[in-house]
């Protein structure tokens, strides 16, 4: 919950401070509004390494859009 999240105004805040209505910057440069915050308690995490050598720690139910063969598919981290 201490991971920094980029707000639309350019500031980084810890994930635990995000509230509904906050405007976040997403990787393609657009803005996304937070519609809800749903505490999940303590969950096991997976460290996922990205192609550009960054990493992100996510839960098993995190959704990913992946390219499989000739189509996109949405899978969870556990999958």
C-alpha atoms as a PDB file:
ATOM      1  CA  UNK A   1       0.000   0.000   0.000  1.00  0.00           C
ATOM      2  CA  UNK A   2       3.054   2.270   0.083  1.00  0.00           C
ATOM      3  CA  UNK A   3       3.669   2.049  -3.681  1.00  0.00           C
ATOM      4  CA  UNK A   4       3.591   5.510  -5.279  1.00  0.00           C
ATOM      5  CA  UNK A   5       0.730   6.258  -7.673  1.00  0.00           C
ATOM      6  CA  UNK A   6       0.920   9.090 -10.210  1.00  0.00           C
ATOM      7  CA  UNK A   7      -1.908  11.612  -9.922  1.00  0.00           C
ATOM      8  CA  UNK A   8      -3.123  13.580 -12.945  1.00  0.00           C
ATOM      9  CA  UNK A   9      -1.506  16.741 -11.523  1.00  0.00           C
ATOM     10  CA  UNK A  10       1.946  15.090 -11.617  1.00  0.00           C
ATOM     11  CA  UNK A  11       2.290  14.324  -7.889  1.00  0.00           C
ATOM     12  CA  UNK A  12       3.009  10.832  -6.565  1.00  0.00           C
ATOM     13  CA  UNK A  13       1.097   9.649  -3.487  1.00  0.00           C
ATOM     14  CA  UNK A  14       1.109   6.281  -1.685  1.00  0.00           C
ATOM     15  CA  UNK A  15      -1.583   3.902  -2.941  1.00  0.00           C
ATOM     16  CA  UNK A  16      -3.142   3.875   0.563  1.00  0.00           C
ATOM     17  CA  UNK A  17      -4.076   7.570   0.142  1.00  0.00           C
ATOM     18  CA  UNK A  18      -6.068   7.121  -3.083  1.00  0.00           C
ATOM     19  CA  UNK A  19      -9.768   7.998  -2.714  1.00  0.00           C
ATOM     20  CA  UNK A  20     -12.817   7.820  -4.996  1.00  0.00           C
ATOM     21  CA  UNK A  21     -12.833  10.829  -7.301  1.00  0.00           C
ATOM     22  CA  UNK A  22      -9.015  11.083  -7.516  1.00  0.00           C
ATOM     23  CA  UNK A  23      -7.686  11.543 -11.047  1.00  0.00           C
ATOM     24  CA  UNK A  24      -4.800   9.210 -11.907  1.00  0.00           C
ATOM     25  CA  UNK A  25      -2.463   9.243 -14.892  1.00  0.00           C
ATOM     26  CA  UNK A  26      -2.334   5.923 -16.737  1.00  0.00           C
ATOM     27  CA  UNK A  27       0.645   4.588 -18.736  1.00  0.00           C
ATOM     28  CA  UNK A  28      -0.597   5.811 -22.128  1.00  0.00           C
ATOM     29  CA  UNK A  29      -0.791   9.366 -20.751  1.00  0.00           C
ATOM     30  CA  UNK A  30      -4.555   9.650 -20.270  1.00  0.00           C
ATOM     31  CA  UNK A  31      -6.439  10.301 -17.059  1.00  0.00           C
ATOM     32  CA  UNK A  32      -8.554   7.777 -15.151  1.00  0.00           C
ATOM     33  CA  UNK A  33     -10.898   8.597 -12.252  1.00  0.00           C
ATOM     34  CA  UNK A  34     -11.032   6.338  -9.218  1.00  0.00           C
ATOM     35  CA  UNK A  35     -14.622   5.128  -8.810  1.00  0.00           C
ATOM     36  CA  UNK A  36     -14.160   3.052  -5.666  1.00  0.00           C
ATOM     37  CA  UNK A  37     -11.661   1.741  -3.130  1.00  0.00           C
ATOM     38  CA  UNK A  38     -12.247  -1.757  -1.803  1.00  0.00           C
ATOM     39  CA  UNK A  39      -9.826  -2.835   0.953  1.00  0.00           C
ATOM     40  CA  UNK A  40      -8.931  -6.517   0.544  1.00  0.00           C
ATOM     41  CA  UNK A  41      -6.942  -7.103   3.706  1.00  0.00           C
ATOM     42  CA  UNK A  42      -3.564  -8.815   3.525  1.00  0.00           C
ATOM     43  CA  UNK A  43      -3.051 -10.830   0.334  1.00  0.00           C
ATOM     44  CA  UNK A  44      -0.107 -12.764  -1.107  1.00  0.00           C
ATOM     45  CA  UNK A  45       1.697 -10.780  -3.795  1.00  0.00           C
ATOM     46  CA  UNK A  46       3.528 -11.659  -6.993  1.00  0.00           C
ATOM     47  CA  UNK A  47       6.400  -9.553  -8.322  1.00  0.00           C
ATOM     48  CA  UNK A  48       5.903  -9.170 -12.070  1.00  0.00           C
ATOM     49  CA  UNK A  49       8.864  -7.979 -14.137  1.00  0.00           C
ATOM     50  CA  UNK A  50       7.953  -5.924 -17.189  1.00  0.00           C
ATOM     51  CA  UNK A  51       9.734  -5.898 -20.560  1.00  0.00           C
ATOM     52  CA  UNK A  52      11.330  -2.513 -19.758  1.00  0.00           C
ATOM     53  CA  UNK A  53      12.898  -4.015 -16.579  1.00  0.00           C
ATOM     54  CA  UNK A  54      10.494  -2.299 -14.150  1.00  0.00           C
ATOM     55  CA  UNK A  55       8.518  -4.444 -11.729  1.00  0.00           C
ATOM     56  CA  UNK A  56       5.155  -4.276 -10.029  1.00  0.00           C
ATOM     57  CA  UNK A  57       3.858  -6.200  -7.009  1.00  0.00           C
ATOM     58  CA  UNK A  58       0.286  -7.405  -7.571  1.00  0.00           C
ATOM     59  CA  UNK A  59      -2.249  -9.791  -6.073  1.00  0.00           C
ATOM     60  CA  UNK A  60      -3.291 -13.023  -7.746  1.00  0.00           C
ATOM     61  CA  UNK A  61      -6.601 -11.581  -8.956  1.00  0.00           C
ATOM     62  CA  UNK A  62      -4.987  -8.628 -10.789  1.00  0.00           C
ATOM     63  CA  UNK A  63      -6.199  -8.568 -14.417  1.00  0.00           C
ATOM     64  CA  UNK A  64      -3.821  -8.386 -17.383  1.00  0.00           C
ATOM     65  CA  UNK A  65      -4.571  -8.008 -21.068  1.00  0.00           C
ATOM     66  CA  UNK A  66      -2.071 -10.245 -22.871  1.00  0.00           C
ATOM     67  CA  UNK A  67      -1.400 -11.081 -26.511  1.00  0.00           C
ATOM     68  CA  UNK A  68      -1.816 -14.800 -27.162  1.00  0.00           C
ATOM     69  CA  UNK A  69      -1.177 -15.951 -30.694  1.00  0.00           C
ATOM     70  CA  UNK A  70      -3.373 -13.710 -32.819  1.00  0.00           C
ATOM     71  CA  UNK A  71      -5.717 -12.254 -30.193  1.00  0.00           C
ATOM     72  CA  UNK A  72      -5.812 -10.460 -26.846  1.00  0.00           C
ATOM     73  CA  UNK A  73      -6.994 -12.306 -23.771  1.00  0.00           C
ATOM     74  CA  UNK A  74      -7.608 -11.102 -20.187  1.00  0.00           C
ATOM     75  CA  UNK A  75      -6.048 -13.312 -17.510  1.00  0.00           C
ATOM     76  CA  UNK A  76      -5.285 -13.027 -13.789  1.00  0.00           C
ATOM     77  CA  UNK A  77      -1.805 -13.008 -12.278  1.00  0.00           C
ATOM     78  CA  UNK A  78      -2.413 -16.514 -10.898  1.00  0.00           C
ATOM     79  CA  UNK A  79      -3.237 -17.778 -14.391  1.00  0.00           C
END
